[in-house]
Amino acid sequence: MPSFEAPTNASNEPKSSGETPVEGLEKTEKVGNTEAEVLRGPKLVVVCVAFSLAFFLIALDQTILSTALPSIASDFDAVSELSWIASGYFLPQAAFMLFFGKVLAFTSPNVVLLVSIAIFELGSLLSALSPTIFALIFGRVISGIGASALFIAVMSLIARITTLKQRPLMMSIIGAVFAASSLGGPVIGGAFSDNITWR
């Protein structure tokens, strides 16, 4: 009578489950932030100070001319165009953010950061040397474009050089500097326009 044996090729080992979502996030974080990119210690402090100064310039340029508008109106005799001094800075700053965000997809943020600082300072120089109100508005537009690129480049670099635990602290420091410079802009602008010159 033939004997029947139970199949022995079935594996008794438990099947391995796939990666958990937490493990996947950890791997993504490691890939996005390699040891060569993440900064710690004094280097991170220096970069944080540099980024804070960059945001200080962006916020300061938003409000520093608010108390100098009477002096500007007196110099150029152009009261009707004064609103464009502020709009000429804010509009390109908002309009070009998506553009520079796309540029960062195929360009190093370090390059964008350096170019944005050059554009920002060029606009500030044109504004200071402007012979007419329209030249001043044009200079403010150039500064707004540079500020837009500067903002996007700094945000991209923060995501590259910090870990998830470091980012909240750095963002809070930069936010505090941004708020302080926004509040101090009118005071600084008024002091310059009254005692030195609005330029």
C-alpha atoms as a PDB file:
ATOM      1  CA  MET A   1       0.000   0.000   0.000  1.00  0.00           C
ATOM      2  CA  PRO A   2       1.597   3.316  -1.021  1.00  0.00           C
ATOM      3  CA  SER A   3       2.462   5.744   1.796  1.00  0.00           C
ATOM      4  CA  PHE A   4       1.615   9.422   1.603  1.00  0.00           C
ATOM      5  CA  GLU A   5       3.969  11.979   3.163  1.00  0.00           C
ATOM      6  CA  ALA A   6       3.105  15.534   4.055  1.00  0.00           C
ATOM      7  CA  PRO A   7       4.845  18.111   1.873  1.00  0.00           C
ATOM      8  CA  THR A   8       8.049  19.330   3.465  1.00  0.00           C
ATOM      9  CA  ASN A   9       8.852  22.240   1.145  1.00  0.00           C
ATOM     10  CA  ALA A  10       6.596  24.681   2.986  1.00  0.00           C
ATOM     11  CA  SER A  11       8.621  27.212   4.941  1.00  0.00           C
ATOM     12  CA  ASN A  12       7.887  27.544   8.626  1.00  0.00           C
ATOM     13  CA  GLU A  13       9.629  30.930   8.836  1.00  0.00           C
ATOM     14  CA  PRO A  14       7.338  33.933   9.273  1.00  0.00           C
ATOM     15  CA  LYS A  15       7.014  36.172   6.266  1.00  0.00           C
ATOM     16  CA  SER A  16       8.888  39.396   6.548  1.00  0.00           C
ATOM     17  CA  SER A  17       6.657  42.412   6.528  1.00  0.00           C
ATOM     18  CA  GLY A  18       7.452  45.492   4.485  1.00  0.00           C
ATOM     19  CA  GLU A  19       9.046  48.635   5.872  1.00  0.00           C
ATOM     20  CA  THR A  20       6.956  50.585   8.255  1.00  0.00           C
ATOM     21  CA  PRO A  21       6.111  54.207   7.380  1.00  0.00           C
ATOM     22  CA  VAL A  22       8.426  55.432  10.115  1.00  0.00           C
ATOM     23  CA  GLU A  23      11.360  53.500   8.695  1.00  0.00           C
ATOM     24  CA  GLY A  24      10.622  54.861   5.254  1.00  0.00           C
ATOM     25  CA  LEU A  25      10.597  58.405   6.581  1.00  0.00           C
ATOM     26  CA  GLU A  26      13.870  57.839   8.347  1.00  0.00           C
ATOM     27  CA  LYS A  27      15.490  56.598   5.147  1.00  0.00           C
ATOM     28  CA  THR A  28      14.145  59.555   3.229  1.00  0.00           C
ATOM     29  CA  GLU A  29      15.546  61.882   5.854  1.00  0.00           C
ATOM     30  CA  LYS A  30      18.946  60.235   5.635  1.00  0.00           C
ATOM     31  CA  VAL A  31      18.985  60.489   1.869  1.00  0.00           C
ATOM     32  CA  GLY A  32      17.886  64.105   1.931  1.00  0.00           C
ATOM     33  CA  ASN A  33      20.357  65.050   4.663  1.00  0.00           C
ATOM     34  CA  THR A  34      23.633  63.241   4.256  1.00  0.00           C
ATOM     35  CA  GLU A  35      26.455  63.701   6.707  1.00  0.00           C
ATOM     36  CA  ALA A  36      28.222  66.009   4.235  1.00  0.00           C
ATOM     37  CA  GLU A  37      25.243  68.363   4.050  1.00  0.00           C
ATOM     38  CA  VAL A  38      24.039  68.640   7.644  1.00  0.00           C
ATOM     39  CA  LEU A  39      25.809  71.311   9.709  1.00  0.00           C
ATOM     40  CA  ARG A  40      26.286  71.230  13.457  1.00  0.00           C
ATOM     41  CA  GLY A  41      28.004  73.288  16.115  1.00  0.00           C
ATOM     42  CA  PRO A  42      29.850  76.524  15.252  1.00  0.00           C
ATOM     43  CA  LYS A  43      29.315  76.138  11.504  1.00  0.00           C
ATOM     44  CA  LEU A  44      25.554  75.999  11.979  1.00  0.00           C
ATOM     45  CA  VAL A  45      25.684  79.080  14.233  1.00  0.00           C
ATOM     46  CA  VAL A  46      27.633  81.060  11.620  1.00  0.00           C
ATOM     47  CA  VAL A  47      25.193  80.073   8.865  1.00  0.00           C
ATOM     48  CA  CYS A  48      22.221  80.933  11.077  1.00  0.00           C
ATOM     49  CA  VAL A  49      23.667  84.408  11.707  1.00  0.00           C
ATOM     50  CA  ALA A  50      24.251  84.903   7.975  1.00  0.00           C
ATOM     51  CA  PHE A  51      20.701  83.856   7.106  1.00  0.00           C
ATOM     52  CA  SER A  52      19.325  86.106   9.856  1.00  0.00           C
ATOM     53  CA  LEU A  53      21.200  89.072   8.381  1.00  0.00           C
ATOM     54  CA  ALA A  54      19.793  88.240   4.954  1.00  0.00           C
ATOM     55  CA  PHE A  55      16.253  88.254   6.314  1.00  0.00           C
ATOM     56  CA  PHE A  56      17.067  91.432   8.232  1.00  0.00           C
ATOM     57  CA  LEU A  57      17.785  93.160   4.910  1.00  0.00           C
ATOM     58  CA  ILE A  58      14.610  91.824   3.304  1.00  0.00           C
ATOM     59  CA  ALA A  59      12.358  92.967   6.144  1.00  0.00           C
ATOM     60  CA  LEU A  60      14.175  96.260   6.664  1.00  0.00           C
ATOM     61  CA  ASP A  61      13.697  97.266   3.034  1.00  0.00           C
ATOM     62  CA  GLN A  62       9.960  96.711   3.366  1.00  0.00           C
ATOM     63  CA  THR A  63       9.419  99.415   5.974  1.00  0.00           C
ATOM     64  CA  ILE A  64      12.482 101.641   6.102  1.00  0.00           C
ATOM     65  CA  LEU A  65      11.117 104.117   3.547  1.00  0.00           C
ATOM     66  CA  SER A  66       7.696 104.493   5.201  1.00  0.00           C
ATOM     67  CA  THR A  67       8.799 107.399   7.388  1.00  0.00           C
ATOM     68  CA  ALA A  68      10.977 108.868   4.630  1.00  0.00           C
ATOM     69  CA  LEU A  69       8.109 109.313   2.168  1.00  0.00           C
ATOM     70  CA  PRO A  70       7.551 113.017   3.037  1.00  0.00           C
ATOM     71  CA  SER A  71      11.202 113.785   2.283  1.00  0.00           C
ATOM     72  CA  ILE A  72      11.022 111.816  -0.963  1.00  0.00           C
ATOM     73  CA  ALA A  73       7.848 113.630  -2.007  1.00  0.00           C
ATOM     74  CA  SER A  74       9.534 116.951  -1.284  1.00  0.00           C
ATOM     75  CA  ASP A  75      12.662 116.090  -3.282  1.00  0.00           C
ATOM     76  CA  PHE A  76      10.889 114.741  -6.364  1.00  0.00           C
ATOM     77  CA  ASP A  77       7.630 116.723  -6.121  1.00  0.00           C
ATOM     78  CA  ALA A  78       5.713 113.523  -6.916  1.00  0.00           C
ATOM     79  CA  VAL A  79       3.080 112.832  -4.301  1.00  0.00           C
ATOM     80  CA  SER A  80       0.842 110.762  -6.585  1.00  0.00           C
ATOM     81  CA  GLU A  81       3.585 108.194  -7.278  1.00  0.00           C
ATOM     82  CA  LEU A  82       4.583 107.573  -3.650  1.00  0.00           C
ATOM     83  CA  SER A  83       2.416 104.463  -3.317  1.00  0.00           C
ATOM     84  CA  TRP A  84       4.489 102.778  -6.035  1.00  0.00           C
ATOM     85  CA  ILE A  85       7.605 102.997  -3.885  1.00  0.00           C
ATOM     86  CA  ALA A  86       6.188 100.338  -1.593  1.00  0.00           C
ATOM     87  CA  SER A  87       4.309  98.450  -4.318  1.00  0.00           C
ATOM     88  CA  GLY A  88       7.404  98.349  -6.515  1.00  0.00           C
ATOM     89  CA  TYR A  89       9.107  96.278  -3.825  1.00  0.00           C
ATOM     90  CA  PHE A  90       6.269  94.007  -2.702  1.00  0.00           C
ATOM     91  CA  LEU A  91       4.793  93.069  -6.084  1.00  0.00           C
ATOM     92  CA  PRO A  92       7.935  91.571  -7.703  1.00  0.00           C
ATOM     93  CA  GLN A  93       8.851  89.968  -4.396  1.00  0.00           C
ATOM     94  CA  ALA A  94       5.620  87.987  -4.485  1.00  0.00           C
ATOM     95  CA  ALA A  95       5.467  87.496  -8.255  1.00  0.00           C
ATOM     96  CA  PHE A  96       8.936  85.960  -8.697  1.00  0.00           C
ATOM     97  CA  MET A  97       8.869  83.441  -5.838  1.00  0.00           C
ATOM     98  CA  LEU A  98       7.446  80.653  -7.971  1.00  0.00           C
ATOM     99  CA  PHE A  99       9.926  81.458 -10.722  1.00  0.00           C
ATOM    100  CA  PHE A 100      12.949  81.210  -8.435  1.00  0.00           C
ATOM    101  CA  GLY A 101      11.511  78.102  -6.832  1.00  0.00           C
ATOM    102  CA  LYS A 102      11.560  76.520 -10.289  1.00  0.00           C
ATOM    103  CA  VAL A 103      15.102  77.779 -10.891  1.00  0.00           C
ATOM    104  CA  LEU A 104      16.241  75.926  -7.768  1.00  0.00           C
ATOM    105  CA  ALA A 105      15.106  72.658  -9.366  1.00  0.00           C
ATOM    106  CA  PHE A 106      18.110  72.721 -11.712  1.00  0.00           C
ATOM    107  CA  THR A 107      20.474  75.247 -10.091  1.00  0.00           C
ATOM    108  CA  SER A 108      22.448  75.167  -6.874  1.00  0.00           C
ATOM    109  CA  PRO A 109      20.863  77.259  -4.094  1.00  0.00           C
ATOM    110  CA  ASN A 110      24.332  78.621  -3.309  1.00  0.00           C
ATOM    111  CA  VAL A 111      24.467  80.216  -6.755  1.00  0.00           C
ATOM    112  CA  VAL A 112      20.938  81.591  -6.429  1.00  0.00           C
ATOM    113  CA  LEU A 113      21.795  83.030  -3.017  1.00  0.00           C
ATOM    114  CA  LEU A 114      24.875  84.882  -4.270  1.00  0.00           C
ATOM    115  CA  VAL A 115      23.104  86.158  -7.379  1.00  0.00           C
ATOM    116  CA  SER A 116      20.094  87.297  -5.336  1.00  0.00           C
ATOM    117  CA  ILE A 117      22.317  89.305  -2.986  1.00  0.00           C
ATOM    118  CA  ALA A 118      23.945  90.989  -5.990  1.00  0.00           C
ATOM    119  CA  ILE A 119      20.534  91.823  -7.498  1.00  0.00           C
ATOM    120  CA  PHE A 120      19.256  93.130  -4.173  1.00  0.00           C
ATOM    121  CA  GLU A 121      22.262  95.379  -3.633  1.00  0.00           C
ATOM    122  CA  LEU A 122      22.118  96.606  -7.229  1.00  0.00           C
ATOM    123  CA  GLY A 123      18.518  97.666  -6.711  1.00  0.00           C
ATOM    124  CA  SER A 124      19.442  99.414  -3.475  1.00  0.00           C
ATOM    125  CA  LEU A 125      22.254 101.268  -5.252  1.00  0.00           C
ATOM    126  CA  LEU A 126      19.930 102.367  -8.069  1.00  0.00           C
ATOM    127  CA  SER A 127      17.405 103.580  -5.514  1.00  0.00           C
ATOM    128  CA  ALA A 128      20.024 105.596  -3.642  1.00  0.00           C
ATOM    129  CA  LEU A 129      21.326 107.238  -6.828  1.00  0.00           C
ATOM    130  CA  SER A 130      17.928 107.751  -8.471  1.00  0.00           C
ATOM    131  CA  PRO A 131      17.539 111.194 -10.081  1.00  0.00           C
ATOM    132  CA  THR A 132      13.760 110.854 -10.528  1.00  0.00           C
ATOM    133  CA  ILE A 133      10.858 109.159  -8.780  1.00  0.00           C
ATOM    134  CA  PHE A 134      10.566 106.650 -11.622  1.00  0.00           C
ATOM    135  CA  ALA A 135      14.213 105.651 -11.271  1.00  0.00           C
ATOM    136  CA  LEU A 136      13.589 105.147  -7.563  1.00  0.00           C
ATOM    137  CA  ILE A 137      10.595 102.911  -8.295  1.00  0.00           C
ATOM    138  CA  PHE A 138      12.671 100.947 -10.818  1.00  0.00           C
ATOM    139  CA  GLY A 139      15.387 100.432  -8.235  1.00  0.00           C
ATOM    140  CA  ARG A 140      12.789  99.209  -5.749  1.00  0.00           C
ATOM    141  CA  VAL A 141      11.527  96.704  -8.331  1.00  0.00           C
ATOM    142  CA  ILE A 142      15.057  95.334  -8.783  1.00  0.00           C
ATOM    143  CA  SER A 143      15.438  95.070  -5.014  1.00  0.00           C
ATOM    144  CA  GLY A 144      12.121  93.222  -4.804  1.00  0.00           C
ATOM    145  CA  ILE A 145      13.276  90.671  -7.365  1.00  0.00           C
ATOM    146  CA  GLY A 146      16.490  90.127  -5.429  1.00  0.00           C
ATOM    147  CA  ALA A 147      14.590  89.799  -2.153  1.00  0.00           C
ATOM    148  CA  SER A 148      12.330  87.157  -3.702  1.00  0.00           C
ATOM    149  CA  ALA A 149      15.292  85.053  -4.843  1.00  0.00           C
ATOM    150  CA  LEU A 150      17.046  85.571  -1.513  1.00  0.00           C
ATOM    151  CA  PHE A 151      14.037  84.356   0.447  1.00  0.00           C
ATOM    152  CA  ILE A 152      13.630  81.194  -1.635  1.00  0.00           C
ATOM    153  CA  ALA A 153      17.357  80.396  -1.623  1.00  0.00           C
ATOM    154  CA  VAL A 154      17.622  80.705   2.161  1.00  0.00           C
ATOM    155  CA  MET A 155      14.587  78.483   2.697  1.00  0.00           C
ATOM    156  CA  SER A 156      16.043  75.854   0.382  1.00  0.00           C
ATOM    157  CA  LEU A 157      19.422  75.933   2.099  1.00  0.00           C
ATOM    158  CA  ILE A 158      17.863  75.608   5.536  1.00  0.00           C
ATOM    159  CA  ALA A 159      16.131  72.426   4.398  1.00  0.00           C
ATOM    160  CA  ARG A 160      19.435  71.056   3.093  1.00  0.00           C
ATOM    161  CA  ILE A 161      21.799  71.819   5.968  1.00  0.00           C
ATOM    162  CA  THR A 162      19.582  71.128   8.999  1.00  0.00           C
ATOM    163  CA  THR A 163      17.800  68.143  10.466  1.00  0.00           C
ATOM    164  CA  LEU A 164      14.155  68.053  11.414  1.00  0.00           C
ATOM    165  CA  LYS A 165      15.101  68.761  15.024  1.00  0.00           C
ATOM    166  CA  GLN A 166      17.239  71.781  14.128  1.00  0.00           C
ATOM    167  CA  ARG A 167      14.822  73.513  11.753  1.00  0.00           C
ATOM    168  CA  PRO A 168      12.239  74.818  14.265  1.00  0.00           C
ATOM    169  CA  LEU A 169      14.925  76.601  16.283  1.00  0.00           C
ATOM    170  CA  MET A 170      16.539  78.145  13.207  1.00  0.00           C
ATOM    171  CA  MET A 171      13.200  79.226  11.768  1.00  0.00           C
ATOM    172  CA  SER A 172      12.171  80.785  15.086  1.00  0.00           C
ATOM    173  CA  ILE A 173      15.428  82.769  15.261  1.00  0.00           C
ATOM    174  CA  ILE A 174      15.054  83.999  11.689  1.00  0.00           C
ATOM    175  CA  GLY A 175      11.397  84.839  12.299  1.00  0.00           C
ATOM    176  CA  ALA A 176      12.301  86.881  15.369  1.00  0.00           C
ATOM    177  CA  VAL A 177      14.936  88.803  13.400  1.00  0.00           C
ATOM    178  CA  PHE A 178      12.414  89.382  10.605  1.00  0.00           C
ATOM    179  CA  ALA A 179       9.847  90.778  13.045  1.00  0.00           C
ATOM    180  CA  ALA A 180      12.393  92.978  14.834  1.00  0.00           C
ATOM    181  CA  SER A 181      13.687  94.474  11.584  1.00  0.00           C
ATOM    182  CA  SER A 182      10.132  95.096  10.362  1.00  0.00           C
ATOM    183  CA  LEU A 183       9.399  97.042  13.535  1.00  0.00           C
ATOM    184  CA  GLY A 184      12.716  98.863  13.522  1.00  0.00           C
ATOM    185  CA  GLY A 185      12.568  99.847   9.859  1.00  0.00           C
ATOM    186  CA  PRO A 186      10.412 102.979  10.287  1.00  0.00           C
ATOM    187  CA  VAL A 187      12.566 104.146  13.200  1.00  0.00           C
ATOM    188  CA  ILE A 188      15.794 103.694  11.248  1.00  0.00           C
ATOM    189  CA  GLY A 189      14.302 105.295   8.141  1.00  0.00           C
ATOM    190  CA  GLY A 190      13.056 108.287  10.103  1.00  0.00           C
ATOM    191  CA  ALA A 191      16.433 108.760  11.781  1.00  0.00           C
ATOM    192  CA  PHE A 192      18.264 108.682   8.452  1.00  0.00           C
ATOM    193  CA  SER A 193      15.827 111.008   6.659  1.00  0.00           C
ATOM    194  CA  ASP A 194      15.833 113.572   9.478  1.00  0.00           C
ATOM    195  CA  ASN A 195      19.525 113.596  10.355  1.00  0.00           C
ATOM    196  CA  ILE A 196      21.367 112.430   7.226  1.00  0.00           C
ATOM    197  CA  THR A 197      19.392 111.749   4.027  1.00  0.00           C
ATOM    198  CA  TRP A 198      16.711 109.330   2.884  1.00  0.00           C
ATOM    199  CA  ARG A 199      19.126 107.988   0.268  1.00  0.00           C
END
